[in-house]
Amino acid sequence: MERYILHQEIRQDKKRRLAFDRLAQKTFGISFENWHQAGYWQGNYRPYTLFDGEKAVCNVSVNPMTFCLNGEEKRYIQLGTVMTDEAYRKQGLCCSLMETVLEEWIGKCDGIYLIANHTVLDFYPKFGFSRFSEYQQIFPVTPKNIQQRKLDLQNNEDLSLLKRLYDQANPFSILQGRENFSLLMFYCMGPCRDSISYLPELDLAVITETEGSVLHCLEILGKQNGSLAEILGAVAPEGVTTAVLGFSLGEAAGGELQQIGDDDALFWLSGIPCPFAAQKMMFPLLTHA
């Protein structure tokens, strides 16, 4: 480890930030630079990055998150962007970095978790993480004709509208990410930029993706001015018959509960009771960091 230097404040250091970004692009095919330039990379996304000279070679990012769970505020730490340059693997760099992060953050929150894919399911239990199941809810949908329009976040009025509705939260979800509009904007500037609909009659924003006859409803934002069936029907294109939610309503709300597979495996650090042991739910998809 003597040859490597750990940097925790790369956001304002252009060389190191771009080196980190190159590693993220190489590993996951994602970039943080446009998000940074737009002013949305703030203190709640904190990379811990190992450098070999000027090259970023390993990273674990810490994301302090505020959630509202069944009406109660929770402070969780989500670990993400865990990556090691291919040429630097099998040297224990990620293990050392993970130990550093956990040592600093254990005891400072209501829980530490991460979302992992099937390639690393055996890695995180080494650090005291246990896997818990997440469940998504599926409902039948009947498309309805309700006035709507796409939000253009290059327009300041539409951006302000989205922020206002975000502050009102999801009226249906039992587990809501709060105080993190910057993370929502990471998605809205990227993969969801053409997928944000506004329903003026209901004063709601809905973020969706459509795959064949399936509507993926990733988020609903605003006050509850309509039923879930009405909202899903409003944003469902013709031919859609099923909606899969990217957030949790609770088992009492009905719908088919389907366990999420290995590509989004939830790991929770032992020592603090995990709410997923008692409730069949999921972390909202647009809170994955």
C-alpha atoms as a PDB file:
ATOM      1  CA  MET A   1       0.000   0.000   0.000  1.00  0.00           C
ATOM      2  CA  GLU A   2       2.997   2.329   0.348  1.00  0.00           C
ATOM      3  CA  ARG A   3       2.884   3.319  -3.318  1.00  0.00           C
ATOM      4  CA  TYR A   4      -0.782   4.352  -3.188  1.00  0.00           C
ATOM      5  CA  ILE A   5      -2.251   7.584  -1.828  1.00  0.00           C
ATOM      6  CA  LEU A   6      -5.829   7.873  -0.581  1.00  0.00           C
ATOM      7  CA  HIS A   7      -7.696  11.032  -1.568  1.00  0.00           C
ATOM      8  CA  GLN A   8     -11.122  11.894  -0.191  1.00  0.00           C
ATOM      9  CA  GLU A   9     -11.567  15.408  -1.591  1.00  0.00           C
ATOM     10  CA  ILE A  10     -11.407  14.968  -5.363  1.00  0.00           C
ATOM     11  CA  ARG A  11     -14.495  16.939  -6.355  1.00  0.00           C
ATOM     12  CA  GLN A  12     -12.715  20.318  -6.528  1.00  0.00           C
ATOM     13  CA  ASP A  13      -9.423  18.879  -7.818  1.00  0.00           C
ATOM     14  CA  LYS A  14      -9.887  18.717 -11.589  1.00  0.00           C
ATOM     15  CA  LYS A  15      -7.022  16.304 -12.327  1.00  0.00           C
ATOM     16  CA  ARG A  16      -8.046  13.817  -9.660  1.00  0.00           C
ATOM     17  CA  ARG A  17     -11.756  14.204 -10.434  1.00  0.00           C
ATOM     18  CA  LEU A  18     -11.196  13.427 -14.099  1.00  0.00           C
ATOM     19  CA  ALA A  19      -8.938  10.493 -13.194  1.00  0.00           C
ATOM     20  CA  PHE A  20     -11.739   9.125 -10.996  1.00  0.00           C
ATOM     21  CA  ASP A  21     -14.193   9.724 -13.840  1.00  0.00           C
ATOM     22  CA  ARG A  22     -12.033   7.768 -16.286  1.00  0.00           C
ATOM     23  CA  LEU A  23     -12.027   4.813 -13.904  1.00  0.00           C
ATOM     24  CA  ALA A  24     -15.827   5.006 -13.568  1.00  0.00           C
ATOM     25  CA  GLN A  25     -16.257   5.129 -17.335  1.00  0.00           C
ATOM     26  CA  LYS A  26     -13.905   2.208 -17.813  1.00  0.00           C
ATOM     27  CA  THR A  27     -15.541   0.100 -15.101  1.00  0.00           C
ATOM     28  CA  PHE A  28     -19.241   0.961 -15.322  1.00  0.00           C
ATOM     29  CA  GLY A  29     -19.612   3.066 -18.462  1.00  0.00           C
ATOM     30  CA  ILE A  30     -20.811   6.067 -16.430  1.00  0.00           C
ATOM     31  CA  SER A  31     -19.495   9.608 -16.091  1.00  0.00           C
ATOM     32  CA  PHE A  32     -19.995  12.124 -13.287  1.00  0.00           C
ATOM     33  CA  GLU A  33     -18.517  15.130 -15.075  1.00  0.00           C
ATOM     34  CA  ASN A  34     -21.666  16.661 -16.587  1.00  0.00           C
ATOM     35  CA  TRP A  35     -23.397  16.191 -13.240  1.00  0.00           C
ATOM     36  CA  HIS A  36     -20.515  18.004 -11.566  1.00  0.00           C
ATOM     37  CA  GLN A  37     -20.460  20.830 -14.105  1.00  0.00           C
ATOM     38  CA  ALA A  38     -24.206  21.359 -13.580  1.00  0.00           C
ATOM     39  CA  GLY A  39     -23.555  21.865  -9.860  1.00  0.00           C
ATOM     40  CA  TYR A  40     -25.270  18.744  -8.571  1.00  0.00           C
ATOM     41  CA  TRP A  41     -22.235  16.863  -7.241  1.00  0.00           C
ATOM     42  CA  GLN A  42     -22.380  17.944  -3.629  1.00  0.00           C
ATOM     43  CA  GLY A  43     -21.086  16.712  -0.284  1.00  0.00           C
ATOM     44  CA  ASN A  44     -23.443  13.752  -0.075  1.00  0.00           C
ATOM     45  CA  TYR A  45     -21.398  11.863  -2.708  1.00  0.00           C
ATOM     46  CA  ARG A  46     -17.918  11.214  -1.274  1.00  0.00           C
ATOM     47  CA  PRO A  47     -15.447   9.066  -3.202  1.00  0.00           C
ATOM     48  CA  TYR A  48     -12.591   7.450  -1.303  1.00  0.00           C
ATOM     49  CA  THR A  49     -10.104   6.974  -4.119  1.00  0.00           C
ATOM     50  CA  LEU A  50      -6.692   5.324  -4.191  1.00  0.00           C
ATOM     51  CA  PHE A  51      -4.196   6.833  -6.616  1.00  0.00           C
ATOM     52  CA  ASP A  52      -1.033   5.398  -8.104  1.00  0.00           C
ATOM     53  CA  GLY A  53       0.658   8.651  -9.045  1.00  0.00           C
ATOM     54  CA  GLU A  54      -1.973  10.561 -11.018  1.00  0.00           C
ATOM     55  CA  LYS A  55      -3.979   7.444 -11.915  1.00  0.00           C
ATOM     56  CA  ALA A  56      -7.123   6.525  -9.974  1.00  0.00           C
ATOM     57  CA  VAL A  57      -6.927   2.777  -9.405  1.00  0.00           C
ATOM     58  CA  CYS A  58      -9.506   1.884  -6.735  1.00  0.00           C
ATOM     59  CA  ASN A  59     -12.577   3.530  -5.226  1.00  0.00           C
ATOM     60  CA  VAL A  60     -15.380   3.146  -2.704  1.00  0.00           C
ATOM     61  CA  SER A  61     -17.872   6.009  -2.551  1.00  0.00           C
ATOM     62  CA  VAL A  62     -19.765   6.925   0.612  1.00  0.00           C
ATOM     63  CA  ASN A  63     -23.286   8.309   0.259  1.00  0.00           C
ATOM     64  CA  PRO A  64     -24.909   9.652   3.445  1.00  0.00           C
ATOM     65  CA  MET A  65     -28.642   9.282   2.796  1.00  0.00           C
ATOM     66  CA  THR A  66     -31.763  10.512   4.553  1.00  0.00           C
ATOM     67  CA  PHE A  67     -34.798   8.241   4.266  1.00  0.00           C
ATOM     68  CA  CYS A  68     -38.304   8.340   5.614  1.00  0.00           C
ATOM     69  CA  LEU A  69     -39.327   4.776   6.580  1.00  0.00           C
ATOM     70  CA  ASN A  70     -42.950   4.334   7.622  1.00  0.00           C
ATOM     71  CA  GLY A  71     -42.989   8.012   8.630  1.00  0.00           C
ATOM     72  CA  GLU A  72     -39.763   7.867  10.668  1.00  0.00           C
ATOM     73  CA  GLU A  73     -36.539   9.590   9.582  1.00  0.00           C
ATOM     74  CA  LYS A  74     -33.506   7.341   9.126  1.00  0.00           C
ATOM     75  CA  ARG A  75     -29.885   8.191   8.323  1.00  0.00           C
ATOM     76  CA  TYR A  76     -28.281   5.458   6.248  1.00  0.00           C
ATOM     77  CA  ILE A  77     -24.907   5.180   4.542  1.00  0.00           C
ATOM     78  CA  GLN A  78     -24.984   3.689   1.055  1.00  0.00           C
ATOM     79  CA  LEU A  79     -21.688   2.479  -0.377  1.00  0.00           C
ATOM     80  CA  GLY A  80     -21.355   2.630  -4.140  1.00  0.00           C
ATOM     81  CA  THR A  81     -19.085   2.987  -7.174  1.00  0.00           C
ATOM     82  CA  VAL A  82     -16.924   0.175  -5.772  1.00  0.00           C
ATOM     83  CA  MET A  83     -14.307  -0.381  -8.465  1.00  0.00           C
ATOM     84  CA  THR A  84     -10.697  -1.361  -9.082  1.00  0.00           C
ATOM     85  CA  ASP A  85      -8.744  -0.850 -12.284  1.00  0.00           C
ATOM     86  CA  GLU A  86      -8.329  -4.213 -13.977  1.00  0.00           C
ATOM     87  CA  ALA A  87      -4.530  -3.966 -13.879  1.00  0.00           C
ATOM     88  CA  TYR A  88      -4.584  -3.436 -10.088  1.00  0.00           C
ATOM     89  CA  ARG A  89      -6.898  -6.241  -9.018  1.00  0.00           C
ATOM     90  CA  LYS A  90      -5.995  -9.112  -6.681  1.00  0.00           C
ATOM     91  CA  GLN A  91      -3.715  -6.880  -4.618  1.00  0.00           C
ATOM     92  CA  GLY A  92      -6.135  -6.351  -1.722  1.00  0.00           C
ATOM     93  CA  LEU A  93      -6.694  -2.679  -2.577  1.00  0.00           C
ATOM     94  CA  CYS A  94     -10.466  -2.817  -2.411  1.00  0.00           C
ATOM     95  CA  CYS A  95     -10.391  -4.805   0.829  1.00  0.00           C
ATOM     96  CA  SER A  96      -8.105  -2.233   2.442  1.00  0.00           C
ATOM     97  CA  LEU A  97     -10.226   0.646   1.200  1.00  0.00           C
ATOM     98  CA  MET A  98     -13.451  -0.980   2.389  1.00  0.00           C
ATOM     99  CA  GLU A  99     -11.948  -1.480   5.863  1.00  0.00           C
ATOM    100  CA  THR A 100     -10.933   2.197   5.963  1.00  0.00           C
ATOM    101  CA  VAL A 101     -14.425   3.352   5.010  1.00  0.00           C
ATOM    102  CA  LEU A 102     -16.202   1.102   7.500  1.00  0.00           C
ATOM    103  CA  GLU A 103     -13.882   2.062  10.335  1.00  0.00           C
ATOM    104  CA  GLU A 104     -14.734   5.718   9.736  1.00  0.00           C
ATOM    105  CA  TRP A 105     -18.509   5.383   9.357  1.00  0.00           C
ATOM    106  CA  ILE A 106     -19.637   2.590  11.692  1.00  0.00           C
ATOM    107  CA  GLY A 107     -21.573   4.100  14.587  1.00  0.00           C
ATOM    108  CA  LYS A 108     -22.435   7.307  12.738  1.00  0.00           C
ATOM    109  CA  CYS A 109     -25.726   6.235  11.149  1.00  0.00           C
ATOM    110  CA  ASP A 110     -28.774   3.992  11.374  1.00  0.00           C
ATOM    111  CA  GLY A 111     -27.334   1.447   8.970  1.00  0.00           C
ATOM    112  CA  ILE A 112     -24.781   0.833   6.204  1.00  0.00           C
ATOM    113  CA  TYR A 113     -25.774  -0.929   3.000  1.00  0.00           C
ATOM    114  CA  LEU A 114     -24.920  -1.390  -0.650  1.00  0.00           C
ATOM    115  CA  ILE A 115     -26.463  -2.791  -3.806  1.00  0.00           C
ATOM    116  CA  ALA A 116     -24.265  -5.372  -5.548  1.00  0.00           C
ATOM    117  CA  ASN A 117     -24.491  -7.392  -8.748  1.00  0.00           C
ATOM    118  CA  HIS A 118     -24.091 -11.139  -9.211  1.00  0.00           C
ATOM    119  CA  THR A 119     -20.323 -10.952  -9.847  1.00  0.00           C
ATOM    120  CA  VAL A 120     -19.429  -9.902  -6.283  1.00  0.00           C
ATOM    121  CA  LEU A 121     -21.919 -11.756  -4.086  1.00  0.00           C
ATOM    122  CA  ASP A 122     -19.103 -13.522  -2.203  1.00  0.00           C
ATOM    123  CA  PHE A 123     -17.064 -10.361  -1.579  1.00  0.00           C
ATOM    124  CA  TYR A 124     -19.113  -8.307   0.863  1.00  0.00           C
ATOM    125  CA  PRO A 125     -19.818 -10.972   3.523  1.00  0.00           C
ATOM    126  CA  LYS A 126     -16.060 -10.820   4.306  1.00  0.00           C
ATOM    127  CA  PHE A 127     -16.697  -7.396   5.877  1.00  0.00           C
ATOM    128  CA  GLY A 128     -19.746  -8.344   7.907  1.00  0.00           C
ATOM    129  CA  PHE A 129     -22.439  -7.669   5.316  1.00  0.00           C
ATOM    130  CA  SER A 130     -25.439  -9.992   5.082  1.00  0.00           C
ATOM    131  CA  ARG A 131     -27.748 -10.301   2.127  1.00  0.00           C
ATOM    132  CA  PHE A 132     -31.433  -9.424   2.426  1.00  0.00           C
ATOM    133  CA  SER A 133     -34.162  -9.830  -0.154  1.00  0.00           C
ATOM    134  CA  GLU A 134     -35.886  -6.885  -1.783  1.00  0.00           C
ATOM    135  CA  TYR A 135     -39.321  -7.094  -3.374  1.00  0.00           C
ATOM    136  CA  GLN A 136     -40.921  -5.078  -6.138  1.00  0.00           C
ATOM    137  CA  GLN A 137     -44.659  -4.706  -6.705  1.00  0.00           C
ATOM    138  CA  ILE A 138     -46.462  -5.431  -9.945  1.00  0.00           C
ATOM    139  CA  PHE A 139     -49.917  -4.196 -10.919  1.00  0.00           C
ATOM    140  CA  PRO A 140     -52.199  -4.539 -13.942  1.00  0.00           C
ATOM    141  CA  VAL A 141     -52.613  -1.310 -15.911  1.00  0.00           C
ATOM    142  CA  THR A 142     -55.331   0.119 -18.115  1.00  0.00           C
ATOM    143  CA  PRO A 143     -54.087   3.121 -20.164  1.00  0.00           C
ATOM    144  CA  LYS A 144     -56.191   6.249 -19.669  1.00  0.00           C
ATOM    145  CA  ASN A 145     -56.359   9.536 -21.529  1.00  0.00           C
ATOM    146  CA  ILE A 146     -55.203  12.201 -19.042  1.00  0.00           C
ATOM    147  CA  GLN A 147     -53.431  15.407 -20.056  1.00  0.00           C
ATOM    148  CA  GLN A 148     -49.667  15.269 -19.605  1.00  0.00           C
ATOM    149  CA  ARG A 149     -46.454  16.700 -20.978  1.00  0.00           C
ATOM    150  CA  LYS A 150     -42.762  15.894 -20.842  1.00  0.00           C
ATOM    151  CA  LEU A 151     -40.630  18.041 -18.567  1.00  0.00           C
ATOM    152  CA  ASP A 152     -37.657  19.782 -20.159  1.00  0.00           C
ATOM    153  CA  LEU A 153     -35.092  20.305 -17.418  1.00  0.00           C
ATOM    154  CA  GLN A 154     -33.164  22.745 -19.608  1.00  0.00           C
ATOM    155  CA  ASN A 155     -36.129  25.012 -18.910  1.00  0.00           C
ATOM    156  CA  ASN A 156     -35.759  26.671 -15.502  1.00  0.00           C
ATOM    157  CA  GLU A 157     -39.507  26.656 -14.878  1.00  0.00           C
ATOM    158  CA  ASP A 158     -39.703  22.901 -15.436  1.00  0.00           C
ATOM    159  CA  LEU A 159     -36.626  22.359 -13.261  1.00  0.00           C
ATOM    160  CA  SER A 160     -38.210  24.392 -10.452  1.00  0.00           C
ATOM    161  CA  LEU A 161     -41.433  22.437 -10.877  1.00  0.00           C
ATOM    162  CA  LEU A 162     -39.595  19.123 -10.486  1.00  0.00           C
ATOM    163  CA  LYS A 163     -37.777  20.403  -7.381  1.00  0.00           C
ATOM    164  CA  ARG A 164     -41.058  21.526  -5.820  1.00  0.00           C
ATOM    165  CA  LEU A 165     -42.651  18.126  -6.405  1.00  0.00           C
ATOM    166  CA  TYR A 166     -39.548  16.316  -5.137  1.00  0.00           C
ATOM    167  CA  ASP A 167     -39.798  18.271  -1.882  1.00  0.00           C
ATOM    168  CA  GLN A 168     -43.373  17.008  -1.511  1.00  0.00           C
ATOM    169  CA  ALA A 169     -42.064  13.413  -1.821  1.00  0.00           C
ATOM    170  CA  ASN A 170     -43.678  10.271  -3.195  1.00  0.00           C
ATOM    171  CA  PRO A 171     -47.230  10.106  -1.803  1.00  0.00           C
ATOM    172  CA  PHE A 172     -47.366   6.306  -1.978  1.00  0.00           C
ATOM    173  CA  SER A 173     -43.918   5.023  -0.981  1.00  0.00           C
ATOM    174  CA  ILE A 174     -43.275   3.668   2.535  1.00  0.00           C
ATOM    175  CA  LEU A 175     -39.501   4.141   2.073  1.00  0.00           C
ATOM    176  CA  GLN A 176     -38.588   7.510   0.560  1.00  0.00           C
ATOM    177  CA  GLY A 177     -35.234   9.087  -0.169  1.00  0.00           C
ATOM    178  CA  ARG A 178     -35.227  12.676   1.072  1.00  0.00           C
ATOM    179  CA  GLU A 179     -32.969  15.748   0.933  1.00  0.00           C
ATOM    180  CA  ASN A 180     -31.076  14.416  -2.079  1.00  0.00           C
ATOM    181  CA  PHE A 181     -32.371  16.210  -5.154  1.00  0.00           C
ATOM    182  CA  SER A 182     -28.824  16.076  -6.524  1.00  0.00           C
ATOM    183  CA  LEU A 183     -29.006  12.268  -6.781  1.00  0.00           C
ATOM    184  CA  LEU A 184     -32.351  12.455  -8.562  1.00  0.00           C
ATOM    185  CA  MET A 185     -30.758  14.871 -11.019  1.00  0.00           C
ATOM    186  CA  PHE A 186     -27.986  12.359 -11.767  1.00  0.00           C
ATOM    187  CA  TYR A 187     -30.733  10.189 -13.256  1.00  0.00           C
ATOM    188  CA  CYS A 188     -32.767  13.026 -14.739  1.00  0.00           C
ATOM    189  CA  MET A 189     -29.728  14.416 -16.567  1.00  0.00           C
ATOM    190  CA  GLY A 190     -28.809  10.941 -17.787  1.00  0.00           C
ATOM    191  CA  PRO A 191     -30.892   7.806 -18.435  1.00  0.00           C
ATOM    192  CA  CYS A 192     -34.224   9.370 -17.393  1.00  0.00           C
ATOM    193  CA  ARG A 193     -33.884  12.743 -19.117  1.00  0.00           C
ATOM    194  CA  ASP A 194     -36.654  11.980 -21.672  1.00  0.00           C
ATOM    195  CA  SER A 195     -38.820  10.004 -19.266  1.00  0.00           C
ATOM    196  CA  ILE A 196     -40.264  12.631 -16.895  1.00  0.00           C
ATOM    197  CA  SER A 197     -43.966  13.348 -17.346  1.00  0.00           C
ATOM    198  CA  TYR A 198     -46.004  16.037 -15.644  1.00  0.00           C
ATOM    199  CA  LEU A 199     -49.729  15.530 -15.036  1.00  0.00           C
ATOM    200  CA  PRO A 200     -51.137  19.059 -14.557  1.00  0.00           C
ATOM    201  CA  GLU A 201     -54.600  17.882 -13.437  1.00  0.00           C
ATOM    202  CA  LEU A 202     -52.981  15.941 -10.577  1.00  0.00           C
ATOM    203  CA  ASP A 203     -49.907  18.169 -10.121  1.00  0.00           C
ATOM    204  CA  LEU A 204     -47.608  15.132 -10.179  1.00  0.00           C
ATOM    205  CA  ALA A 205     -44.341  14.224 -11.887  1.00  0.00           C
ATOM    206  CA  VAL A 206     -43.899  10.593 -12.912  1.00  0.00           C
ATOM    207  CA  ILE A 207     -40.644   9.032 -14.117  1.00  0.00           C
ATOM    208  CA  THR A 208     -41.126   5.938 -16.261  1.00  0.00           C
ATOM    209  CA  GLU A 209     -39.554   3.565 -18.744  1.00  0.00           C
ATOM    210  CA  THR A 210     -41.496   1.286 -21.094  1.00  0.00           C
ATOM    211  CA  GLU A 211     -40.338  -2.136 -22.213  1.00  0.00           C
ATOM    212  CA  GLY A 212     -42.831  -3.840 -24.515  1.00  0.00           C
ATOM    213  CA  SER A 213     -46.078  -4.258 -22.610  1.00  0.00           C
ATOM    214  CA  VAL A 214     -44.430  -3.406 -19.267  1.00  0.00           C
ATOM    215  CA  LEU A 215     -44.334   0.053 -17.716  1.00  0.00           C
ATOM    216  CA  HIS A 216     -41.539   0.588 -15.187  1.00  0.00           C
ATOM    217  CA  CYS A 217     -42.748   3.348 -12.885  1.00  0.00           C
ATOM    218  CA  LEU A 218     -39.533   4.538 -11.277  1.00  0.00           C
ATOM    219  CA  GLU A 219     -40.876   7.439  -9.228  1.00  0.00           C
ATOM    220  CA  ILE A 220     -43.982   9.500  -8.488  1.00  0.00           C
ATOM    221  CA  LEU A 221     -43.480  12.957  -6.973  1.00  0.00           C
ATOM    222  CA  GLY A 222     -46.022  15.331  -5.492  1.00  0.00           C
ATOM    223  CA  LYS A 223     -49.048  15.226  -3.211  1.00  0.00           C
ATOM    224  CA  GLN A 224     -51.586  12.423  -3.496  1.00  0.00           C
ATOM    225  CA  ASN A 225     -54.082  13.957  -5.873  1.00  0.00           C
ATOM    226  CA  GLY A 226     -55.169  10.738  -7.544  1.00  0.00           C
ATOM    227  CA  SER A 227     -55.211   6.973  -7.152  1.00  0.00           C
ATOM    228  CA  LEU A 228     -52.216   4.847  -8.108  1.00  0.00           C
ATOM    229  CA  ALA A 229     -54.290   3.111 -10.793  1.00  0.00           C
ATOM    230  CA  GLU A 230     -55.246   6.484 -12.292  1.00  0.00           C
ATOM    231  CA  ILE A 231     -51.636   7.706 -12.323  1.00  0.00           C
ATOM    232  CA  LEU A 232     -50.220   4.510 -13.816  1.00  0.00           C
ATOM    233  CA  GLY A 233     -52.940   4.490 -16.447  1.00  0.00           C
ATOM    234  CA  ALA A 234     -52.221   8.107 -17.333  1.00  0.00           C
ATOM    235  CA  VAL A 235     -48.539   7.494 -18.121  1.00  0.00           C
ATOM    236  CA  ALA A 236     -48.947   4.051 -19.705  1.00  0.00           C
ATOM    237  CA  PRO A 237     -48.690   4.016 -23.515  1.00  0.00           C
ATOM    238  CA  GLU A 238     -51.190   1.992 -25.531  1.00  0.00           C
ATOM    239  CA  GLY A 239     -50.371  -1.699 -25.397  1.00  0.00           C
ATOM    240  CA  VAL A 240     -49.050  -1.619 -21.838  1.00  0.00           C
ATOM    241  CA  THR A 241     -50.772  -4.126 -19.552  1.00  0.00           C
ATOM    242  CA  THR A 242     -48.466  -4.297 -16.520  1.00  0.00           C
ATOM    243  CA  ALA A 243     -46.676  -1.809 -14.261  1.00  0.00           C
ATOM    244  CA  VAL A 244     -43.603  -2.652 -12.182  1.00  0.00           C
ATOM    245  CA  LEU A 245     -42.908  -0.162  -9.393  1.00  0.00           C
ATOM    246  CA  GLY A 246     -39.443   1.159  -8.571  1.00  0.00           C
ATOM    247  CA  PHE A 247     -40.491   1.944  -4.988  1.00  0.00           C
ATOM    248  CA  SER A 248     -42.512   0.192  -2.270  1.00  0.00           C
ATOM    249  CA  LEU A 249     -46.113   0.675  -1.220  1.00  0.00           C
ATOM    250  CA  GLY A 250     -46.158  -1.922   1.545  1.00  0.00           C
ATOM    251  CA  GLU A 251     -47.687  -5.364   1.426  1.00  0.00           C
ATOM    252  CA  ALA A 252     -51.143  -4.114   2.456  1.00  0.00           C
ATOM    253  CA  ALA A 253     -51.381  -2.105  -0.790  1.00  0.00           C
ATOM    254  CA  GLY A 254     -51.755  -5.255  -2.828  1.00  0.00           C
ATOM    255  CA  GLY A 255     -50.214  -6.097  -6.159  1.00  0.00           C
ATOM    256  CA  GLU A 256     -47.974  -9.045  -6.870  1.00  0.00           C
ATOM    257  CA  LEU A 257     -44.756  -9.073  -4.826  1.00  0.00           C
ATOM    258  CA  GLN A 258     -41.769 -10.314  -6.813  1.00  0.00           C
ATOM    259  CA  GLN A 259     -38.341 -10.927  -5.311  1.00  0.00           C
ATOM    260  CA  ILE A 260     -35.530  -8.965  -6.964  1.00  0.00           C
ATOM    261  CA  GLY A 261     -32.726 -11.080  -8.396  1.00  0.00           C
ATOM    262  CA  ASP A 262     -28.941 -11.157  -8.151  1.00  0.00           C
ATOM    263  CA  ASP A 263     -28.265  -8.123 -10.355  1.00  0.00           C
ATOM    264  CA  ASP A 264     -29.499  -5.842  -7.546  1.00  0.00           C
ATOM    265  CA  ALA A 265     -28.580  -7.724  -4.378  1.00  0.00           C
ATOM    266  CA  LEU A 266     -28.990  -5.821  -1.112  1.00  0.00           C
ATOM    267  CA  PHE A 267     -26.233  -6.216   1.477  1.00  0.00           C
ATOM    268  CA  TRP A 268     -26.686  -4.754   4.979  1.00  0.00           C
ATOM    269  CA  LEU A 269     -23.891  -4.403   7.518  1.00  0.00           C
ATOM    270  CA  SER A 270     -24.488  -6.597  10.568  1.00  0.00           C
ATOM    271  CA  GLY A 271     -24.788  -5.006  14.002  1.00  0.00           C
ATOM    272  CA  ILE A 272     -27.833  -2.832  13.314  1.00  0.00           C
ATOM    273  CA  PRO A 273     -31.268  -4.431  12.720  1.00  0.00           C
ATOM    274  CA  CYS A 274     -32.176  -4.420   9.043  1.00  0.00           C
ATOM    275  CA  PRO A 275     -35.708  -3.207   8.234  1.00  0.00           C
ATOM    276  CA  PHE A 276     -35.800  -5.590   5.265  1.00  0.00           C
ATOM    277  CA  ALA A 277     -35.869  -8.516   7.684  1.00  0.00           C
ATOM    278  CA  ALA A 278     -39.363  -7.481   8.768  1.00  0.00           C
ATOM    279  CA  GLN A 279     -40.866  -5.903   5.615  1.00  0.00           C
ATOM    280  CA  LYS A 280     -41.017  -6.989   1.998  1.00  0.00           C
ATOM    281  CA  MET A 281     -39.949  -3.804   0.239  1.00  0.00           C
ATOM    282  CA  MET A 282     -37.137  -2.248  -1.787  1.00  0.00           C
ATOM    283  CA  PHE A 283     -34.886   0.767  -1.744  1.00  0.00           C
ATOM    284  CA  PRO A 284     -36.286   3.142  -4.398  1.00  0.00           C
ATOM    285  CA  LEU A 285     -34.431   2.550  -7.664  1.00  0.00           C
ATOM    286  CA  LEU A 286     -33.618   6.235  -8.118  1.00  0.00           C
ATOM    287  CA  THR A 287     -31.803   6.287  -4.785  1.00  0.00           C
ATOM    288  CA  HIS A 288     -29.198   3.769  -5.990  1.00  0.00           C
ATOM    289  CA  ALA A 289     -25.879   5.640  -5.935  1.00  0.00           C
END
